[in-house]
Amino acid sequence: MIDLAKITIKAGDGGDGKVSFRREKYVLKGGPDGGYGGNGGSVIFMADRNLASLKQLAHIREITADSGKAGGEKKMYGAQAPDLTIKVPVGTVLWVVAENQLAYDRHMRLDNQRPFSKPEVTAVKYFTNYKGARTERRPVDQINHYYEAVDQLENISFANLNLNNIKKYKLVELKEDGQKFMVAQGGFGGRGNTAFRGSRNTTPLEAEWGGAGEKRIIFLELKILADLGLVGFPSVGKSTLLSKLSQAKPKIAAYDFTTLEPNLGILEDKKRRQQLVLADIPGLIEGASQGKGLGYSFLRHIEACRLLVFVLALKESQVFDEQLSKQNKASLLQEQLEKLKTELVSYNPQLIDKEQLVIINKADLYDEELKVALVKLFPKALLISTITGENLAQLPEFIFSKFSNS
């Protein structure tokens, strides 16, 4: 699943105002009749529940809306460019790493919550000579506010990119289907020379350039919106557990990393009339917070979960190792849990503050003495077996009771 993209977003510029004068037979000195330019198109992002990944944006470097048309003679207004709407999956977060002055001003003054009105934006005039030739070039609007050295990110693989280590700010998180957000506002059309006619300036040779559109470099990050995230090392039975708790049909096999992207399922409690969305997150390995294994592709989805369910299990080789005592075998699961928590903290220290549950799977392999040792070491954990069904009937209540208190 493609869950990360980096794109330059450019809104359309406004059309230039026109410098012209009325020229008709039998009409002497008809006066200025230059029209106004049209507004540039804005770039709007909209959440769409029918999309499951950022695949459609994976190979796009820049998205640019059309610019407004220039004003014409006879006080004709230039055409306004249409807004450009980009659909993304529900749960997409937009991060800004660089932007131009207009976008920066709107972020600082309005917190991006509403567009600028025309009087809030300073327009720039241009002048012409009597032959109609402009005496200066259009001002160049460039990105000038960098929160991160963007050039250094060009050749970095997304699989090895931890967004928590990048300087940026959160623009918006699109959590609901149909939710829209204006990422870059189009520039306003410039006024024609009719706007500058006065008693002291009867033949104005000035008009306004069309306003520049906002420009931003953004990261799009898709986070699976789930209530619970099943967290654990490969082959501990997370996918099987998801299939037992819901109608989901994830890929299940007897080898590591059968889950390469998050799988979702619905856990329903008919008594409470409540449903929870479960996410089977790809298996974590030691060093994932440094990009090893599936690395950040795993970890970024945990950030959106409200409750973390740690799924632990001993390997068969460990269970039947006669050189290990029952306490040592139980300690291996304690080490497993600590390693999982260490990876979460290394990636994002706030993850460890989420509500947590511990489930110990593969109980069908453990004898009574080992189960006693596990219960003693994990008094609040629930021992289950997805193969024999041991304690699976109690698991929904175990989860809902914890979730209702979170």
Protein backbone atom coordinates (compact mmCIF):
# COMPACT_ATOMS: atom_id res chain seq x y z
CA MET A 1 0.00 0.00 0.00
CA ILE A 2 1.32 3.42 -0.94
CA ASP A 3 0.81 5.62 2.13
CA LEU A 4 3.27 8.47 1.61
CA ALA A 5 3.75 11.02 -1.17
CA LYS A 6 5.59 14.31 -1.65
CA ILE A 7 4.09 16.87 -4.04
CA THR A 8 4.51 20.52 -4.93
CA ILE A 9 1.11 22.22 -4.96
CA LYS A 10 0.70 25.40 -7.05
CA ALA A 11 -2.53 27.40 -7.28
CA GLY A 12 -3.23 29.38 -10.42
CA ASP A 13 -2.14 32.99 -10.75
CA GLY A 14 -4.69 35.72 -11.30
CA GLY A 15 -5.03 37.19 -14.76
CA ASP A 16 -3.45 40.59 -15.45
CA GLY A 17 -5.52 43.71 -15.72
CA LYS A 18 -5.61 45.32 -19.16
CA VAL A 19 -4.32 48.73 -20.24
CA SER A 20 -6.38 49.87 -23.23
CA PHE A 21 -8.38 52.85 -24.45
CA ARG A 22 -11.64 53.07 -26.27
CA ARG A 23 -11.06 53.51 -29.98
CA GLU A 24 -14.16 53.87 -32.12
CA LYS A 25 -15.11 55.91 -35.14
CA TYR A 26 -16.59 59.26 -34.20
CA VAL A 27 -15.55 58.76 -30.56
CA LEU A 28 -12.64 60.97 -29.65
CA LYS A 29 -10.63 60.27 -26.55
CA GLY A 30 -12.92 57.49 -25.46
CA GLY A 31 -10.99 57.01 -22.28
CA PRO A 32 -9.63 53.87 -20.55
CA ASP A 33 -11.53 50.63 -21.03
CA GLY A 34 -9.11 47.96 -19.79
CA GLY A 35 -10.88 45.06 -18.07
CA TYR A 36 -10.03 43.14 -14.93
CA GLY A 37 -8.24 39.80 -14.94
CA GLY A 38 -9.91 36.61 -13.73
CA ASN A 39 -9.00 34.81 -10.50
CA GLY A 40 -6.70 31.81 -10.59
CA GLY A 41 -7.92 28.36 -9.62
CA SER A 42 -7.36 27.04 -6.11
CA VAL A 43 -6.17 23.52 -5.23
CA ILE A 44 -8.57 21.70 -2.93
CA PHE A 45 -8.10 18.28 -1.36
CA MET A 46 -11.13 16.13 -0.58
CA ALA A 47 -11.38 12.91 1.42
CA ASP A 48 -12.98 10.02 -0.46
CA ARG A 49 -13.85 6.80 1.34
CA ASN A 50 -13.65 4.86 -1.93
CA LEU A 51 -9.87 5.33 -2.05
CA ALA A 52 -7.61 3.04 -0.04
CA SER A 53 -4.13 4.39 -0.79
CA LEU A 54 -2.18 7.28 -2.32
CA LYS A 55 -1.38 5.22 -5.40
CA GLN A 56 -2.89 7.78 -7.78
CA LEU A 57 -0.44 10.42 -6.49
CA ALA A 58 2.64 8.24 -6.15
CA HIS A 59 4.38 9.41 -9.33
CA ILE A 60 3.13 13.00 -9.45
CA ARG A 61 5.73 15.64 -8.62
CA GLU A 62 3.63 18.79 -9.04
CA ILE A 63 -0.05 19.67 -9.17
CA THR A 64 -0.86 23.05 -10.72
CA ALA A 65 -4.24 24.73 -11.11
CA ASP A 66 -5.00 26.88 -14.14
CA SER A 67 -4.39 30.62 -14.05
CA GLY A 68 -7.05 33.22 -14.67
CA LYS A 69 -7.29 34.91 -18.05
CA ALA A 70 -6.14 38.48 -18.60
CA GLY A 71 -8.65 41.28 -18.85
CA GLY A 72 -9.59 42.53 -22.29
CA GLU A 73 -10.62 45.67 -24.09
CA LYS A 74 -14.05 47.23 -23.72
CA LYS A 75 -13.97 46.52 -19.99
CA MET A 76 -14.17 42.78 -20.55
CA TYR A 77 -13.31 40.65 -17.56
CA GLY A 78 -10.91 37.74 -17.97
CA ALA A 79 -12.28 34.25 -17.38
CA GLN A 80 -11.89 32.83 -13.89
CA ALA A 81 -10.05 29.52 -13.72
CA PRO A 82 -11.86 26.56 -12.14
CA ASP A 83 -10.70 25.14 -8.84
CA LEU A 84 -8.80 21.86 -8.96
CA THR A 85 -10.06 19.16 -6.57
CA ILE A 86 -7.76 16.27 -5.64
CA LYS A 87 -9.30 13.20 -4.00
CA VAL A 88 -7.37 11.37 -1.29
CA PRO A 89 -8.30 8.55 1.13
CA VAL A 90 -9.98 9.27 4.43
CA GLY A 91 -7.24 9.52 7.06
CA THR A 92 -4.79 11.48 4.91
CA VAL A 93 -2.64 14.01 6.78
CA LEU A 94 -1.09 16.95 4.92
CA TRP A 95 2.26 18.26 6.20
CA VAL A 96 3.86 21.47 4.89
CA VAL A 97 7.65 21.57 4.55
CA ALA A 98 7.93 24.74 2.42
CA GLU A 99 5.69 27.50 1.08
CA ASN A 100 5.72 30.91 -0.58
CA GLN A 101 4.99 34.23 1.09
CA LEU A 102 1.24 34.25 0.44
CA ALA A 103 0.75 30.76 1.83
CA TYR A 104 2.92 31.63 4.82
CA ASP A 105 0.91 34.79 5.50
CA ARG A 106 -2.39 32.91 5.39
CA HIS A 107 -0.98 30.25 7.69
CA MET A 108 0.26 32.83 10.21
CA ARG A 109 -2.69 35.24 10.06
CA LEU A 110 -5.64 32.99 9.39
CA ASP A 111 -4.35 29.56 10.44
CA ASN A 112 -5.35 28.28 6.98
CA GLN A 113 -8.99 28.10 8.03
CA ARG A 114 -10.38 30.53 5.49
CA PRO A 115 -9.22 32.05 2.20
CA PHE A 116 -7.96 35.57 1.85
CA SER A 117 -10.39 38.20 0.65
CA LYS A 118 -9.10 40.48 -2.09
CA PRO A 119 -8.54 43.58 0.11
CA GLU A 120 -6.27 41.49 2.37
CA VAL A 121 -3.79 40.85 -0.44
CA THR A 122 -1.46 43.56 -1.71
CA ALA A 123 -1.66 44.01 -5.49
CA VAL A 124 1.31 45.09 -7.61
CA LYS A 125 0.92 47.64 -10.41
CA TYR A 126 2.61 47.61 -13.77
CA PHE A 127 2.97 50.51 -16.22
CA THR A 128 3.01 50.76 -19.99
CA ASN A 129 4.25 53.34 -22.44
CA TYR A 130 1.95 55.05 -24.90
CA LYS A 131 2.45 52.23 -27.39
CA GLY A 132 1.10 49.74 -24.86
CA ALA A 133 4.43 48.01 -24.08
CA ARG A 134 4.95 47.13 -20.42
CA THR A 135 7.90 48.82 -18.82
CA GLU A 136 8.78 45.99 -16.35
CA ARG A 137 8.51 42.27 -16.00
CA ARG A 138 6.05 40.38 -13.88
CA PRO A 139 7.43 39.81 -10.36
CA VAL A 140 8.55 36.23 -9.75
CA ASP A 141 6.93 34.56 -6.77
CA GLN A 142 9.07 31.81 -5.29
CA ILE A 143 8.97 29.49 -2.32
CA ASN A 144 10.83 31.35 0.39
CA HIS A 145 9.80 29.73 3.68
CA TYR A 146 11.53 26.42 4.22
CA TYR A 147 10.87 24.39 7.34
CA GLU A 148 13.18 21.62 6.14
CA ALA A 149 16.05 21.40 3.65
CA VAL A 150 13.75 20.02 0.96
CA ASP A 151 16.52 19.34 -1.55
CA GLN A 152 18.03 16.80 0.84
CA LEU A 153 14.78 14.81 0.80
CA GLU A 154 14.70 14.29 -2.96
CA ASN A 155 16.59 11.01 -3.06
CA ILE A 156 15.39 9.53 0.23
CA SER A 157 13.29 6.38 -0.02
CA PHE A 158 9.92 6.73 1.68
CA ALA A 159 10.50 3.34 3.33
CA ASN A 160 13.45 4.90 5.19
CA LEU A 161 11.79 8.23 5.93
CA ASN A 162 10.58 9.02 9.43
CA LEU A 163 8.37 12.09 9.15
CA ASN A 164 8.78 12.73 12.87
CA ASN A 165 12.38 13.75 12.16
CA ILE A 166 11.40 16.35 9.54
CA LYS A 167 10.67 19.98 10.38
CA LYS A 168 7.15 20.71 9.19
CA TYR A 169 3.73 21.76 10.36
CA LYS A 170 0.42 19.96 10.11
CA LEU A 171 -1.89 21.61 7.62
CA VAL A 172 -4.95 19.38 8.00
CA GLU A 173 -6.06 15.82 8.67
CA LEU A 174 -8.95 14.70 6.48
CA LYS A 175 -10.90 12.38 8.76
CA GLU A 176 -14.38 12.34 7.23
CA ASP A 177 -15.68 11.33 3.82
CA GLY A 178 -16.33 14.40 1.69
CA GLN A 179 -14.27 16.71 3.91
CA LYS A 180 -12.60 19.43 1.84
CA PHE A 181 -9.67 21.73 2.51
CA MET A 182 -8.13 24.49 0.41
CA VAL A 183 -4.42 23.69 0.32
CA ALA A 184 -3.41 26.52 -2.04
CA GLN A 185 -5.53 29.57 -2.83
CA GLY A 186 -5.57 30.98 -6.33
CA GLY A 187 -4.38 34.51 -7.00
CA PHE A 188 -6.80 37.39 -7.55
CA GLY A 189 -7.20 39.00 -10.94
CA GLY A 190 -5.56 42.39 -11.40
CA ARG A 191 -7.52 45.58 -12.04
CA GLY A 192 -7.53 47.12 -15.48
CA ASN A 193 -6.67 50.77 -16.13
CA THR A 194 -10.34 51.74 -15.85
CA ALA A 195 -9.87 51.45 -12.08
CA PHE A 196 -7.21 54.18 -12.07
CA ARG A 197 -9.01 56.89 -14.03
CA GLY A 198 -9.45 60.14 -12.13
CA SER A 199 -9.59 63.87 -12.53
CA ARG A 200 -5.80 64.05 -12.37
CA ASN A 201 -5.16 60.87 -14.36
CA THR A 202 -7.52 60.81 -17.31
CA THR A 203 -5.36 58.48 -19.39
CA PRO A 204 -3.97 55.97 -16.91
CA LEU A 205 -1.17 53.82 -18.25
CA GLU A 206 -1.14 51.50 -15.27
CA ALA A 207 -2.94 48.34 -14.34
CA GLU A 208 -2.28 45.48 -11.92
CA TRP A 209 -0.53 42.21 -12.36
CA GLY A 210 -2.61 39.21 -11.48
CA GLY A 211 -1.90 38.08 -7.95
CA ALA A 212 0.35 35.07 -7.46
CA GLY A 213 -1.23 31.80 -6.38
CA GLU A 214 -0.11 30.08 -3.22
CA LYS A 215 2.57 27.44 -3.56
CA ARG A 216 3.46 24.72 -1.08
CA ILE A 217 5.58 21.60 -0.88
CA ILE A 218 3.65 19.04 1.11
CA PHE A 219 3.92 15.48 2.32
CA LEU A 220 0.75 13.41 2.21
CA GLU A 221 0.67 10.71 4.86
CA LEU A 222 -2.08 8.14 4.98
CA LYS A 223 -2.89 6.76 8.41
CA ILE A 224 -5.29 3.89 8.79
CA LEU A 225 -8.17 5.15 10.95
CA ALA A 226 -8.69 2.29 13.39
CA ASP A 227 -9.76 2.14 17.01
CA LEU A 228 -7.42 -0.72 17.87
CA GLY A 229 -4.05 -1.64 16.44
CA LEU A 230 -2.75 -5.22 16.77
CA VAL A 231 0.97 -4.82 17.47
CA GLY A 232 3.48 -7.64 17.55
CA PHE A 233 6.42 -9.38 15.98
CA PRO A 234 5.94 -11.48 12.83
CA SER A 235 4.18 -14.85 13.13
CA VAL A 236 2.57 -14.26 16.54
CA GLY A 237 -0.91 -14.77 15.05
CA LYS A 238 -2.21 -11.22 14.53
CA SER A 239 -3.82 -11.96 11.18
CA THR A 240 -5.45 -15.15 12.48
CA LEU A 241 -6.72 -13.23 15.50
CA LEU A 242 -8.23 -10.57 13.22
CA SER A 243 -10.02 -13.26 11.22
CA LYS A 244 -11.44 -14.75 14.42
CA LEU A 245 -12.72 -11.44 15.78
CA SER A 246 -14.18 -10.10 12.54
CA GLN A 247 -15.24 -11.05 9.02
CA ALA A 248 -11.89 -9.93 7.61
CA LYS A 249 -9.96 -12.43 5.46
CA PRO A 250 -6.28 -11.45 5.74
CA LYS A 251 -3.55 -13.56 4.19
CA ILE A 252 -2.37 -16.20 6.67
CA ALA A 253 0.70 -18.38 6.16
CA ALA A 254 3.41 -20.13 8.17
CA TYR A 255 6.17 -17.63 7.42
CA ASP A 256 7.12 -14.11 8.48
CA PHE A 257 5.76 -10.95 6.85
CA THR A 258 2.69 -12.48 5.26
CA THR A 259 1.04 -9.14 6.16
CA LEU A 260 2.62 -6.45 4.00
CA GLU A 261 -0.03 -3.80 4.51
CA PRO A 262 -2.64 -3.11 7.21
CA ASN A 263 -5.82 -5.20 7.19
CA LEU A 264 -9.02 -3.90 8.74
CA GLY A 265 -11.88 -5.68 10.44
CA ILE A 266 -14.95 -4.80 12.53
CA LEU A 267 -15.40 -6.09 16.08
CA GLU A 268 -19.03 -5.78 17.14
CA ASP A 269 -20.59 -5.83 20.60
CA LYS A 270 -24.34 -6.27 20.19
CA LYS A 271 -25.05 -5.69 23.89
CA ARG A 272 -23.28 -2.34 23.88
CA ARG A 273 -24.42 -1.61 20.32
CA GLN A 274 -20.88 -0.58 19.62
CA GLN A 275 -18.40 -1.37 16.87
CA LEU A 276 -14.63 -1.07 16.86
CA VAL A 277 -12.35 -0.99 13.84
CA LEU A 278 -9.41 -3.37 14.24
CA ALA A 279 -6.18 -2.95 12.29
CA ASP A 280 -3.77 -5.82 11.76
CA ILE A 281 -0.50 -3.91 11.36
CA PRO A 282 2.41 -5.53 9.44
CA GLY A 283 4.80 -7.38 11.74
CA LEU A 284 7.37 -5.35 13.63
CA ILE A 285 11.01 -6.35 13.97
CA GLU A 286 13.72 -5.02 16.20
CA GLY A 287 15.18 -1.90 14.58
CA ALA A 288 11.97 -0.91 12.78
CA SER A 289 12.29 2.61 14.22
CA GLN A 290 15.50 2.92 12.18
CA GLY A 291 13.73 1.77 9.02
CA LYS A 292 14.53 -1.96 9.20
CA GLY A 293 12.06 -4.50 7.86
CA LEU A 294 8.85 -2.74 6.90
CA GLY A 295 10.07 0.09 9.13
CA TYR A 296 8.06 3.27 9.06
CA SER A 297 5.40 1.71 6.82
CA PHE A 298 4.40 -0.20 9.95
CA LEU A 299 4.87 2.44 12.59
CA ARG A 300 3.06 5.40 11.06
CA HIS A 301 -0.28 3.56 11.11
CA ILE A 302 -0.08 2.98 14.87
CA GLU A 303 -0.20 6.73 15.50
CA ALA A 304 -3.86 6.90 14.48
CA CYS A 305 -5.02 4.05 16.75
CA ARG A 306 -6.64 4.87 20.08
CA LEU A 307 -5.81 1.57 21.77
CA LEU A 308 -2.77 -0.66 21.22
CA VAL A 309 -3.17 -4.41 21.60
CA PHE A 310 0.22 -6.08 22.04
CA VAL A 311 0.08 -9.65 20.76
CA LEU A 312 2.84 -11.85 22.18
CA ALA A 313 3.69 -15.48 21.50
CA LEU A 314 6.59 -17.87 22.02
CA LYS A 315 8.09 -19.72 19.08
CA GLU A 316 7.70 -23.49 19.11
CA SER A 317 11.46 -23.88 19.40
CA GLN A 318 11.35 -21.82 22.58
CA VAL A 319 8.34 -23.64 24.02
CA PHE A 320 9.96 -27.07 23.66
CA ASP A 321 13.49 -26.04 24.62
CA GLU A 322 14.16 -28.19 27.68
CA GLN A 323 17.15 -26.06 28.68
CA LEU A 324 14.85 -23.12 29.39
CA SER A 325 12.93 -22.99 32.66
CA LYS A 326 9.29 -21.91 32.77
CA GLN A 327 10.35 -18.57 34.25
CA ASN A 328 12.90 -18.08 31.48
CA LYS A 329 10.28 -18.76 28.83
CA ALA A 330 7.94 -16.27 30.45
CA SER A 331 10.80 -13.76 30.58
CA LEU A 332 11.23 -14.12 26.82
CA LEU A 333 7.74 -12.73 26.35
CA GLN A 334 8.55 -9.91 28.78
CA GLU A 335 11.59 -9.07 26.65
CA GLN A 336 9.41 -9.27 23.54
CA LEU A 337 7.00 -6.72 25.00
CA GLU A 338 9.81 -4.39 26.07
CA LYS A 339 11.36 -4.51 22.59
CA LEU A 340 8.02 -3.62 21.02
CA LYS A 341 7.60 -0.66 23.36
CA THR A 342 11.20 0.46 22.71
CA GLU A 343 10.56 0.59 18.97
CA LEU A 344 7.41 2.64 19.50
CA VAL A 345 9.20 5.14 21.76
CA SER A 346 12.13 5.42 19.35
CA TYR A 347 9.76 6.26 16.52
CA ASN A 348 7.42 8.57 18.44
CA PRO A 349 7.59 8.92 22.25
CA GLN A 350 3.89 9.82 22.42
CA LEU A 351 2.85 6.35 21.22
CA ILE A 352 3.66 4.81 24.58
CA ASP A 353 1.03 7.04 26.23
CA LYS A 354 -1.81 5.30 24.39
CA GLU A 355 -4.05 2.83 26.21
CA GLN A 356 -2.64 -0.69 26.02
CA LEU A 357 -3.72 -4.32 26.25
CA VAL A 358 -1.57 -7.44 26.28
CA ILE A 359 -2.70 -10.72 24.68
CA ILE A 360 -0.56 -13.87 24.82
CA ASN A 361 -1.33 -16.16 21.89
CA LYS A 362 -0.59 -19.85 21.18
CA ALA A 363 -1.75 -20.95 24.63
CA ASP A 364 -2.43 -24.42 23.18
CA LEU A 365 1.36 -24.98 23.15
CA TYR A 366 1.89 -24.04 26.81
CA ASP A 367 1.58 -26.53 29.67
CA GLU A 368 -0.12 -25.58 32.94
CA GLU A 369 3.13 -24.76 34.69
CA LEU A 370 4.13 -22.32 31.96
CA LYS A 371 0.66 -20.74 31.99
CA VAL A 372 0.99 -20.16 35.74
CA ALA A 373 4.35 -18.45 35.17
CA LEU A 374 2.85 -16.27 32.42
CA VAL A 375 -0.13 -15.24 34.53
CA LYS A 376 2.20 -14.34 37.38
CA LEU A 377 4.38 -12.19 35.10
CA PHE A 378 1.43 -10.71 33.12
CA PRO A 379 -1.44 -10.48 35.64
CA LYS A 380 -3.55 -8.23 33.39
CA ALA A 381 -2.93 -10.15 30.17
CA LEU A 382 -5.29 -12.64 28.55
CA LEU A 383 -3.98 -16.00 27.35
CA ILE A 384 -5.66 -17.19 24.16
CA SER A 385 -5.28 -19.69 21.37
CA THR A 386 -6.50 -18.80 17.90
CA ILE A 387 -6.13 -22.49 16.96
CA THR A 388 -8.18 -24.16 19.71
CA GLY A 389 -10.31 -21.13 20.55
CA GLU A 390 -9.16 -20.97 24.17
CA ASN A 391 -10.49 -17.77 25.82
CA LEU A 392 -11.50 -16.31 22.43
CA ALA A 393 -15.08 -15.94 23.67
CA GLN A 394 -13.85 -13.71 26.53
CA LEU A 395 -11.63 -11.61 24.27
CA PRO A 396 -14.29 -9.17 22.91
CA GLU A 397 -15.42 -8.29 26.44
CA PHE A 398 -11.77 -7.98 27.46
CA ILE A 399 -11.22 -5.46 24.65
CA PHE A 400 -14.47 -3.50 24.98
CA SER A 401 -14.12 -3.08 28.75
CA LYS A 402 -10.67 -1.59 28.30
CA PHE A 403 -11.71 0.55 25.34
CA SER A 404 -14.75 2.01 27.13
CA ASN A 405 -12.43 3.22 29.91
CA SER A 406 -9.86 4.72 27.54
